[in-house]
N, C-alpha and C. Protein backbone atom coordinates (compact mmCIF):
# COMPACT_ATOMS: atom_id res chain seq x y z
N UNK A 1 26.40 -10.18 -27.22
CA UNK A 1 25.80 -11.03 -26.20
C UNK A 1 26.45 -10.77 -24.85
N UNK A 2 27.79 -10.71 -24.83
CA UNK A 2 28.50 -10.48 -23.58
C UNK A 2 28.11 -9.14 -22.96
N UNK A 3 28.04 -8.10 -23.80
CA UNK A 3 27.67 -6.78 -23.29
C UNK A 3 26.25 -6.80 -22.69
N UNK A 4 25.31 -7.46 -23.36
CA UNK A 4 23.93 -7.55 -22.87
C UNK A 4 23.86 -8.25 -21.53
N UNK A 5 24.58 -9.36 -21.39
CA UNK A 5 24.58 -10.09 -20.11
C UNK A 5 25.27 -9.28 -19.01
N UNK A 6 26.33 -8.59 -19.36
CA UNK A 6 27.03 -7.75 -18.38
C UNK A 6 26.13 -6.61 -17.91
N UNK A 7 25.43 -5.98 -18.84
CA UNK A 7 24.52 -4.89 -18.48
C UNK A 7 23.39 -5.41 -17.59
N UNK A 8 22.83 -6.57 -17.94
CA UNK A 8 21.76 -7.18 -17.15
C UNK A 8 22.24 -7.49 -15.74
N UNK A 9 23.44 -8.04 -15.62
CA UNK A 9 24.02 -8.33 -14.32
C UNK A 9 24.22 -7.04 -13.52
N UNK A 10 24.75 -6.02 -14.17
CA UNK A 10 24.98 -4.74 -13.50
C UNK A 10 23.69 -4.12 -12.98
N UNK A 11 22.64 -4.11 -13.79
CA UNK A 11 21.35 -3.56 -13.36
C UNK A 11 20.73 -4.39 -12.24
N UNK A 12 20.90 -5.69 -12.29
CA UNK A 12 20.38 -6.56 -11.23
C UNK A 12 21.07 -6.27 -9.90
N UNK A 13 22.36 -6.08 -9.94
CA UNK A 13 23.11 -5.75 -8.72
C UNK A 13 22.68 -4.39 -8.19
N UNK A 14 22.52 -3.41 -9.07
CA UNK A 14 22.06 -2.08 -8.63
C UNK A 14 20.66 -2.14 -8.02
N UNK A 15 19.77 -2.93 -8.61
CA UNK A 15 18.41 -3.07 -8.06
C UNK A 15 18.45 -3.71 -6.68
N UNK A 16 19.30 -4.73 -6.51
CA UNK A 16 19.41 -5.40 -5.21
C UNK A 16 19.97 -4.45 -4.16
N UNK A 17 20.99 -3.67 -4.51
CA UNK A 17 21.60 -2.72 -3.57
C UNK A 17 20.61 -1.62 -3.20
N UNK A 18 19.81 -1.18 -4.17
CA UNK A 18 18.90 -0.06 -3.91
C UNK A 18 17.80 -0.41 -2.92
N UNK A 19 17.51 -1.68 -2.69
CA UNK A 19 16.43 -2.03 -1.77
C UNK A 19 16.90 -2.29 -0.35
N UNK A 20 18.21 -2.22 -0.12
CA UNK A 20 18.74 -2.42 1.23
C UNK A 20 18.18 -1.33 2.15
N UNK A 21 17.58 -1.74 3.23
CA UNK A 21 17.03 -0.80 4.21
C UNK A 21 15.63 -0.31 3.92
N UNK A 22 15.02 -0.75 2.84
CA UNK A 22 13.66 -0.29 2.53
C UNK A 22 12.66 -0.65 3.62
N UNK A 23 12.82 -1.81 4.26
CA UNK A 23 11.89 -2.24 5.29
C UNK A 23 11.88 -1.26 6.46
N UNK A 24 13.01 -0.60 6.73
CA UNK A 24 13.09 0.35 7.84
C UNK A 24 12.71 1.76 7.44
N UNK A 25 12.95 2.13 6.18
CA UNK A 25 12.69 3.50 5.72
C UNK A 25 11.28 3.70 5.21
N UNK A 26 10.71 2.71 4.57
CA UNK A 26 9.40 2.85 3.94
C UNK A 26 8.34 2.17 4.79
N UNK A 27 7.85 2.93 5.77
CA UNK A 27 6.91 2.41 6.76
C UNK A 27 5.63 3.24 6.74
N UNK A 28 4.46 2.59 6.75
CA UNK A 28 3.21 3.35 6.84
C UNK A 28 3.14 4.18 8.12
N UNK A 29 2.37 5.25 8.07
CA UNK A 29 2.19 6.12 9.22
C UNK A 29 0.87 5.73 9.90
N UNK A 30 0.97 4.96 10.99
CA UNK A 30 -0.22 4.50 11.73
C UNK A 30 -0.58 5.57 12.75
N UNK A 31 -1.72 6.21 12.54
CA UNK A 31 -2.17 7.27 13.45
C UNK A 31 -3.10 6.73 14.52
N UNK A 32 -3.91 5.72 14.16
CA UNK A 32 -4.87 5.18 15.13
C UNK A 32 -5.27 3.77 14.75
N UNK A 33 -5.23 2.88 15.72
CA UNK A 33 -5.79 1.54 15.60
C UNK A 33 -6.23 1.17 17.00
N UNK A 34 -7.53 1.14 17.21
CA UNK A 34 -8.04 0.83 18.54
C UNK A 34 -9.41 0.18 18.47
N UNK A 35 -9.75 -0.54 19.53
CA UNK A 35 -11.04 -1.18 19.64
C UNK A 35 -12.14 -0.13 19.63
N UNK A 36 -13.16 -0.34 18.83
CA UNK A 36 -14.32 0.54 18.84
C UNK A 36 -15.39 -0.06 19.74
N UNK A 37 -15.77 -1.33 19.47
CA UNK A 37 -16.82 -1.97 20.25
C UNK A 37 -16.67 -3.48 20.22
N UNK A 38 -16.79 -4.10 21.37
CA UNK A 38 -16.85 -5.55 21.46
C UNK A 38 -18.31 -5.94 21.26
N UNK A 39 -18.61 -6.58 20.13
CA UNK A 39 -20.00 -6.93 19.80
C UNK A 39 -20.47 -8.13 20.61
N UNK A 40 -19.62 -9.18 20.71
CA UNK A 40 -20.01 -10.36 21.48
C UNK A 40 -18.79 -11.18 21.85
N UNK A 41 -18.93 -11.94 22.93
CA UNK A 41 -17.96 -12.94 23.35
C UNK A 41 -18.77 -14.14 23.77
N UNK A 42 -18.68 -15.22 23.00
CA UNK A 42 -19.54 -16.39 23.24
C UNK A 42 -18.75 -17.67 23.10
N UNK A 43 -19.28 -18.72 23.76
CA UNK A 43 -18.79 -20.07 23.53
C UNK A 43 -19.51 -20.56 22.29
N UNK A 44 -18.77 -21.06 21.32
CA UNK A 44 -19.36 -21.45 20.05
C UNK A 44 -18.70 -22.73 19.56
N UNK A 45 -19.40 -23.84 19.65
CA UNK A 45 -18.86 -25.10 19.16
C UNK A 45 -17.60 -25.56 19.87
N UNK A 46 -17.50 -25.35 21.17
CA UNK A 46 -16.33 -25.78 21.93
C UNK A 46 -15.18 -24.81 21.95
N UNK A 47 -15.34 -23.65 21.32
CA UNK A 47 -14.29 -22.63 21.31
C UNK A 47 -14.90 -21.30 21.73
N UNK A 48 -14.05 -20.39 22.17
CA UNK A 48 -14.49 -19.02 22.44
C UNK A 48 -14.37 -18.21 21.16
N UNK A 49 -15.38 -17.36 20.93
CA UNK A 49 -15.37 -16.52 19.73
C UNK A 49 -15.78 -15.10 20.12
N UNK A 50 -14.97 -14.13 19.73
CA UNK A 50 -15.27 -12.72 19.98
C UNK A 50 -15.44 -12.02 18.64
N UNK A 51 -16.48 -11.21 18.55
CA UNK A 51 -16.72 -10.36 17.39
C UNK A 51 -16.58 -8.91 17.84
N UNK A 52 -15.87 -8.12 17.07
CA UNK A 52 -15.61 -6.74 17.49
C UNK A 52 -15.45 -5.85 16.28
N UNK A 53 -15.39 -4.57 16.55
CA UNK A 53 -15.09 -3.59 15.51
C UNK A 53 -13.96 -2.69 16.02
N UNK A 54 -13.27 -2.05 15.09
CA UNK A 54 -12.13 -1.21 15.45
C UNK A 54 -12.11 0.02 14.56
N UNK A 55 -11.36 1.01 15.01
CA UNK A 55 -11.12 2.23 14.25
C UNK A 55 -9.70 2.19 13.71
N UNK A 56 -9.53 2.60 12.45
CA UNK A 56 -8.22 2.56 11.83
C UNK A 56 -7.98 3.85 11.05
N UNK A 57 -6.82 4.44 11.28
CA UNK A 57 -6.39 5.62 10.54
C UNK A 57 -4.91 5.42 10.23
N UNK A 58 -4.61 5.13 8.95
CA UNK A 58 -3.24 4.87 8.55
C UNK A 58 -2.98 5.44 7.16
N UNK A 59 -1.84 6.07 7.00
CA UNK A 59 -1.39 6.56 5.70
C UNK A 59 -0.35 5.58 5.18
N UNK A 60 -0.69 4.87 4.10
CA UNK A 60 0.20 3.86 3.54
C UNK A 60 1.15 4.42 2.49
N UNK A 61 0.97 5.67 2.09
CA UNK A 61 1.80 6.26 1.04
C UNK A 61 3.31 6.18 1.31
N UNK A 62 3.78 6.41 2.56
CA UNK A 62 5.23 6.32 2.78
C UNK A 62 5.82 4.93 2.53
N UNK A 63 4.99 3.89 2.51
CA UNK A 63 5.49 2.53 2.31
C UNK A 63 5.74 2.21 0.84
N UNK A 64 5.26 3.05 -0.05
CA UNK A 64 5.42 2.77 -1.48
C UNK A 64 6.68 3.45 -2.03
N UNK A 65 7.36 2.76 -2.92
CA UNK A 65 8.51 3.30 -3.64
C UNK A 65 8.54 2.62 -5.01
N UNK A 66 9.57 2.85 -5.78
CA UNK A 66 9.61 2.41 -7.17
C UNK A 66 9.46 0.90 -7.35
N UNK A 67 9.83 0.10 -6.33
CA UNK A 67 9.83 -1.35 -6.49
C UNK A 67 8.67 -2.04 -5.78
N UNK A 68 7.67 -1.31 -5.33
CA UNK A 68 6.54 -1.94 -4.64
C UNK A 68 5.35 -2.03 -5.58
N UNK A 69 4.86 -3.23 -5.75
CA UNK A 69 3.67 -3.47 -6.57
C UNK A 69 2.41 -3.28 -5.73
N UNK A 70 2.41 -3.84 -4.51
CA UNK A 70 1.25 -3.73 -3.63
C UNK A 70 1.66 -4.03 -2.20
N UNK A 71 0.79 -3.61 -1.28
CA UNK A 71 0.93 -3.93 0.14
C UNK A 71 -0.24 -4.81 0.55
N UNK A 72 0.05 -5.84 1.30
CA UNK A 72 -1.00 -6.64 1.92
C UNK A 72 -1.03 -6.19 3.37
N UNK A 73 -2.09 -5.48 3.77
CA UNK A 73 -2.19 -4.86 5.09
C UNK A 73 -3.19 -5.65 5.91
N UNK A 74 -2.85 -5.93 7.17
CA UNK A 74 -3.76 -6.71 8.01
C UNK A 74 -3.64 -6.32 9.48
N UNK A 75 -4.77 -6.49 10.20
CA UNK A 75 -4.83 -6.22 11.63
C UNK A 75 -4.77 -7.56 12.35
N UNK A 76 -3.85 -7.65 13.31
CA UNK A 76 -3.64 -8.88 14.06
C UNK A 76 -3.99 -8.65 15.53
N UNK A 77 -4.72 -9.61 16.09
CA UNK A 77 -4.99 -9.61 17.53
C UNK A 77 -4.04 -10.63 18.16
N UNK A 78 -3.34 -10.21 19.19
CA UNK A 78 -2.40 -11.11 19.87
C UNK A 78 -2.75 -11.19 21.34
N UNK A 79 -2.71 -12.41 21.90
CA UNK A 79 -2.98 -12.61 23.32
C UNK A 79 -2.25 -13.86 23.79
N UNK A 80 -2.16 -14.01 25.10
CA UNK A 80 -1.54 -15.19 25.71
C UNK A 80 -2.64 -16.05 26.31
N UNK A 81 -2.41 -17.35 26.34
CA UNK A 81 -3.35 -18.25 27.01
C UNK A 81 -2.56 -19.33 27.73
N UNK A 82 -3.26 -20.09 28.57
CA UNK A 82 -2.60 -21.16 29.31
C UNK A 82 -2.04 -22.22 28.36
N UNK A 83 -2.76 -22.48 27.29
CA UNK A 83 -2.36 -23.53 26.35
C UNK A 83 -1.24 -23.07 25.41
N UNK A 84 -1.32 -21.83 24.97
CA UNK A 84 -0.33 -21.28 24.04
C UNK A 84 0.18 -19.93 24.54
N UNK A 85 1.49 -19.78 24.68
CA UNK A 85 2.02 -18.51 25.19
C UNK A 85 1.86 -17.34 24.23
N UNK A 86 1.69 -17.63 22.94
CA UNK A 86 1.52 -16.55 21.96
C UNK A 86 0.50 -16.97 20.92
N UNK A 87 -0.60 -16.24 20.85
CA UNK A 87 -1.65 -16.48 19.86
C UNK A 87 -1.78 -15.24 19.00
N UNK A 88 -1.76 -15.41 17.68
CA UNK A 88 -1.95 -14.29 16.76
C UNK A 88 -3.05 -14.68 15.78
N UNK A 89 -4.05 -13.81 15.66
CA UNK A 89 -5.17 -14.06 14.75
C UNK A 89 -5.37 -12.84 13.87
N UNK A 90 -5.44 -13.06 12.56
CA UNK A 90 -5.74 -11.98 11.63
C UNK A 90 -7.23 -11.70 11.69
N UNK A 91 -7.59 -10.44 11.95
CA UNK A 91 -9.00 -10.06 12.06
C UNK A 91 -9.53 -9.39 10.80
N UNK A 92 -8.64 -8.74 10.05
CA UNK A 92 -9.06 -7.94 8.90
C UNK A 92 -7.87 -7.80 7.96
N UNK A 93 -8.13 -7.70 6.67
CA UNK A 93 -7.04 -7.48 5.72
C UNK A 93 -7.51 -6.70 4.51
N UNK A 94 -6.54 -6.16 3.80
CA UNK A 94 -6.82 -5.42 2.57
C UNK A 94 -5.56 -5.38 1.72
N UNK A 95 -5.75 -5.45 0.40
CA UNK A 95 -4.64 -5.29 -0.54
C UNK A 95 -4.71 -3.88 -1.10
N UNK A 96 -3.59 -3.16 -1.02
CA UNK A 96 -3.50 -1.80 -1.54
C UNK A 96 -2.43 -1.82 -2.63
N UNK A 97 -2.81 -1.40 -3.82
CA UNK A 97 -1.91 -1.48 -4.96
C UNK A 97 -1.23 -0.14 -5.24
N UNK A 98 -0.05 -0.22 -5.83
CA UNK A 98 0.69 0.99 -6.19
C UNK A 98 -0.06 1.81 -7.22
N UNK A 99 -0.89 1.16 -8.03
CA UNK A 99 -1.65 1.86 -9.06
C UNK A 99 -2.86 2.60 -8.48
N UNK A 100 -3.21 2.36 -7.22
CA UNK A 100 -4.32 3.08 -6.58
C UNK A 100 -3.96 4.55 -6.43
N UNK A 101 -4.93 5.44 -6.56
CA UNK A 101 -4.65 6.86 -6.31
C UNK A 101 -4.14 7.09 -4.89
N UNK A 102 -3.33 8.11 -4.70
CA UNK A 102 -2.73 8.39 -3.39
C UNK A 102 -3.77 8.48 -2.27
N UNK A 103 -4.92 9.09 -2.56
CA UNK A 103 -5.93 9.25 -1.50
C UNK A 103 -6.55 7.90 -1.09
N UNK A 104 -6.52 6.91 -1.97
CA UNK A 104 -7.04 5.58 -1.62
C UNK A 104 -6.03 4.77 -0.81
N UNK A 105 -4.81 5.26 -0.73
CA UNK A 105 -3.79 4.60 0.08
C UNK A 105 -3.83 5.08 1.53
N UNK A 106 -4.79 5.94 1.85
CA UNK A 106 -5.02 6.38 3.22
C UNK A 106 -6.31 5.72 3.68
N UNK A 107 -6.21 4.92 4.74
CA UNK A 107 -7.38 4.24 5.29
C UNK A 107 -7.77 4.98 6.56
N UNK A 108 -8.93 5.61 6.53
CA UNK A 108 -9.42 6.34 7.69
C UNK A 108 -10.88 5.94 7.87
N UNK A 109 -11.09 4.90 8.67
CA UNK A 109 -12.44 4.38 8.88
C UNK A 109 -12.66 4.11 10.36
N UNK A 110 -13.86 4.37 10.80
CA UNK A 110 -14.27 4.03 12.16
C UNK A 110 -15.27 2.88 12.09
N UNK A 111 -15.28 2.09 13.14
CA UNK A 111 -16.24 1.00 13.31
C UNK A 111 -16.13 -0.04 12.18
N UNK A 112 -14.91 -0.45 11.87
CA UNK A 112 -14.69 -1.51 10.88
C UNK A 112 -14.98 -2.84 11.57
N UNK A 113 -15.94 -3.58 11.04
CA UNK A 113 -16.28 -4.88 11.61
C UNK A 113 -15.27 -5.91 11.09
N UNK A 114 -14.83 -6.79 11.96
CA UNK A 114 -13.80 -7.77 11.59
C UNK A 114 -14.28 -8.68 10.46
N UNK A 115 -13.38 -9.06 9.56
CA UNK A 115 -13.69 -10.04 8.51
C UNK A 115 -13.64 -11.45 9.08
N UNK A 116 -12.71 -11.65 10.03
CA UNK A 116 -12.48 -12.97 10.60
C UNK A 116 -12.59 -12.85 12.13
N UNK A 117 -13.38 -13.71 12.74
CA UNK A 117 -13.62 -13.63 14.18
C UNK A 117 -12.36 -13.95 14.98
N UNK A 118 -12.30 -13.39 16.17
CA UNK A 118 -11.24 -13.72 17.12
C UNK A 118 -11.66 -15.01 17.80
N UNK A 119 -11.02 -16.12 17.41
CA UNK A 119 -11.41 -17.45 17.90
C UNK A 119 -10.23 -18.08 18.62
N UNK A 120 -10.51 -18.62 19.81
CA UNK A 120 -9.50 -19.37 20.55
C UNK A 120 -9.82 -20.85 20.43
N UNK A 121 -8.80 -21.68 20.24
CA UNK A 121 -9.03 -23.11 20.03
C UNK A 121 -9.51 -23.83 21.29
N UNK A 122 -9.46 -23.16 22.41
CA UNK A 122 -10.02 -23.69 23.65
C UNK A 122 -11.04 -22.67 24.13
N UNK A 123 -11.22 -22.60 25.38
CA UNK A 123 -12.12 -21.59 25.94
C UNK A 123 -11.31 -20.66 26.85
N UNK A 124 -10.31 -20.04 26.26
CA UNK A 124 -9.36 -19.24 27.04
C UNK A 124 -9.42 -17.75 26.74
N UNK A 125 -10.43 -17.26 26.05
CA UNK A 125 -10.47 -15.83 25.71
C UNK A 125 -10.94 -14.95 26.86
N UNK A 126 -11.81 -15.47 27.69
CA UNK A 126 -12.39 -14.63 28.75
C UNK A 126 -11.32 -14.07 29.66
N UNK A 127 -11.36 -12.75 29.88
CA UNK A 127 -10.44 -12.08 30.78
C UNK A 127 -9.05 -11.84 30.22
N UNK A 128 -8.81 -12.19 28.98
CA UNK A 128 -7.47 -12.02 28.41
C UNK A 128 -7.25 -10.60 27.90
N UNK A 129 -6.00 -10.14 28.00
CA UNK A 129 -5.62 -8.86 27.41
C UNK A 129 -5.23 -9.10 25.96
N UNK A 130 -5.82 -8.32 25.05
CA UNK A 130 -5.61 -8.48 23.62
C UNK A 130 -4.91 -7.22 23.09
N UNK A 131 -3.91 -7.43 22.24
CA UNK A 131 -3.20 -6.34 21.59
C UNK A 131 -3.58 -6.32 20.12
N UNK A 132 -4.01 -5.16 19.62
CA UNK A 132 -4.29 -4.97 18.20
C UNK A 132 -3.08 -4.30 17.56
N UNK A 133 -2.60 -4.90 16.46
CA UNK A 133 -1.41 -4.38 15.80
C UNK A 133 -1.60 -4.45 14.29
N UNK A 134 -1.16 -3.41 13.60
CA UNK A 134 -1.19 -3.39 12.14
C UNK A 134 0.11 -3.98 11.60
N UNK A 135 -0.04 -4.88 10.64
CA UNK A 135 1.12 -5.49 9.98
C UNK A 135 0.93 -5.39 8.48
N UNK A 136 2.01 -5.54 7.72
CA UNK A 136 1.92 -5.45 6.28
C UNK A 136 3.03 -6.26 5.63
N UNK A 137 2.76 -6.69 4.41
CA UNK A 137 3.75 -7.37 3.58
C UNK A 137 4.01 -6.49 2.37
N UNK A 138 5.27 -6.13 2.15
CA UNK A 138 5.66 -5.41 0.93
C UNK A 138 5.80 -6.45 -0.17
N UNK A 139 5.09 -6.27 -1.26
CA UNK A 139 5.19 -7.17 -2.40
C UNK A 139 5.85 -6.41 -3.54
N UNK A 140 7.14 -6.68 -3.75
CA UNK A 140 7.89 -5.91 -4.74
C UNK A 140 7.67 -6.39 -6.17
N UNK A 141 8.04 -5.54 -7.11
CA UNK A 141 8.03 -5.93 -8.52
C UNK A 141 9.11 -6.98 -8.77
N UNK A 142 10.25 -6.78 -8.12
CA UNK A 142 11.35 -7.73 -8.25
C UNK A 142 12.03 -7.86 -6.89
N UNK A 143 12.51 -9.03 -6.57
CA UNK A 143 13.18 -9.24 -5.30
C UNK A 143 12.30 -9.98 -4.31
N UNK A 144 12.75 -10.01 -3.08
CA UNK A 144 12.08 -10.79 -2.04
C UNK A 144 10.96 -10.00 -1.37
N UNK A 145 9.95 -10.71 -0.95
CA UNK A 145 8.86 -10.14 -0.17
C UNK A 145 9.37 -9.89 1.24
N UNK A 146 9.01 -8.77 1.83
CA UNK A 146 9.41 -8.54 3.21
C UNK A 146 8.24 -7.96 3.99
N UNK A 147 8.28 -8.21 5.31
CA UNK A 147 7.17 -7.85 6.18
C UNK A 147 7.54 -6.68 7.07
N UNK A 148 6.50 -5.98 7.53
CA UNK A 148 6.68 -4.90 8.48
C UNK A 148 5.54 -4.91 9.47
N UNK A 149 5.72 -4.21 10.56
CA UNK A 149 4.68 -4.15 11.58
C UNK A 149 4.74 -2.83 12.33
N UNK A 150 3.60 -2.47 12.88
CA UNK A 150 3.48 -1.27 13.71
C UNK A 150 4.37 -1.45 14.94
N UNK A 151 4.95 -0.37 15.40
CA UNK A 151 5.76 -0.39 16.61
C UNK A 151 4.93 -0.97 17.76
N UNK A 152 5.44 -2.01 18.40
CA UNK A 152 4.68 -2.70 19.45
C UNK A 152 4.35 -1.76 20.62
N UNK A 153 5.19 -0.78 20.86
CA UNK A 153 4.93 0.14 21.98
C UNK A 153 3.74 1.05 21.69
N UNK A 154 3.35 1.18 20.41
CA UNK A 154 2.22 2.03 20.04
C UNK A 154 0.96 1.23 19.72
N UNK A 155 1.04 -0.09 19.85
CA UNK A 155 -0.12 -0.94 19.58
C UNK A 155 -1.14 -0.76 20.71
N UNK A 156 -2.44 -0.84 20.37
CA UNK A 156 -3.48 -0.64 21.38
C UNK A 156 -3.84 -1.96 22.06
N UNK A 157 -4.26 -1.87 23.30
CA UNK A 157 -4.60 -3.05 24.09
C UNK A 157 -5.98 -2.87 24.71
N UNK A 158 -6.65 -4.00 24.90
CA UNK A 158 -7.91 -4.00 25.62
C UNK A 158 -8.07 -5.36 26.28
N UNK A 159 -8.93 -5.43 27.28
CA UNK A 159 -9.19 -6.69 27.98
C UNK A 159 -10.59 -7.18 27.66
N UNK A 160 -10.69 -8.47 27.45
CA UNK A 160 -12.00 -9.09 27.21
C UNK A 160 -12.68 -9.32 28.56
N UNK A 161 -14.01 -9.30 28.60
CA UNK A 161 -14.73 -9.49 29.86
C UNK A 161 -14.56 -10.93 30.39
N UNK A 162 -14.80 -11.11 31.69
CA UNK A 162 -14.71 -12.43 32.32
C UNK A 162 -15.94 -13.30 32.01
N UNK A 163 -17.06 -12.64 31.65
CA UNK A 163 -18.31 -13.37 31.39
C UNK A 163 -18.64 -13.30 29.90
N UNK A 164 -19.32 -14.33 29.42
CA UNK A 164 -19.81 -14.33 28.05
C UNK A 164 -20.90 -13.27 27.92
N UNK A 165 -21.00 -12.68 26.73
CA UNK A 165 -22.08 -11.72 26.46
C UNK A 165 -22.37 -11.66 24.99
């Protein structure tokens, strides 16, 4: 019994040590994330709502290692408004599993229509600069969940029009 518990403790410690720095080393290769087309910007029920599409080219294979079960990948739109200095809205998401073939872990699509609209709780979207950024959550087989994000300096930006359309 003692030997079994000691071995279990030893393997647990080795597993914990082996994941140190994974968040920095195992990062997807984001080649392109940019606005394709702004479909509409309208006042809708007291809020501003923008519908858009984007192009995405990312290789998720580098983010996988022995302890990753799946990645939760999502595109976030971030902007500032008078009411809130930082607004982040998830526009699109996908779960990519370690059991998926390597070629399915590469997302290369143009004109992806958002799953969730870009909605402001007031009417502050018009004329705002929006940043599109890819983010992901590493979901390990064992251990803590950790998050990652595309380098902010490489995130794409666009401005919304001043008028509704």
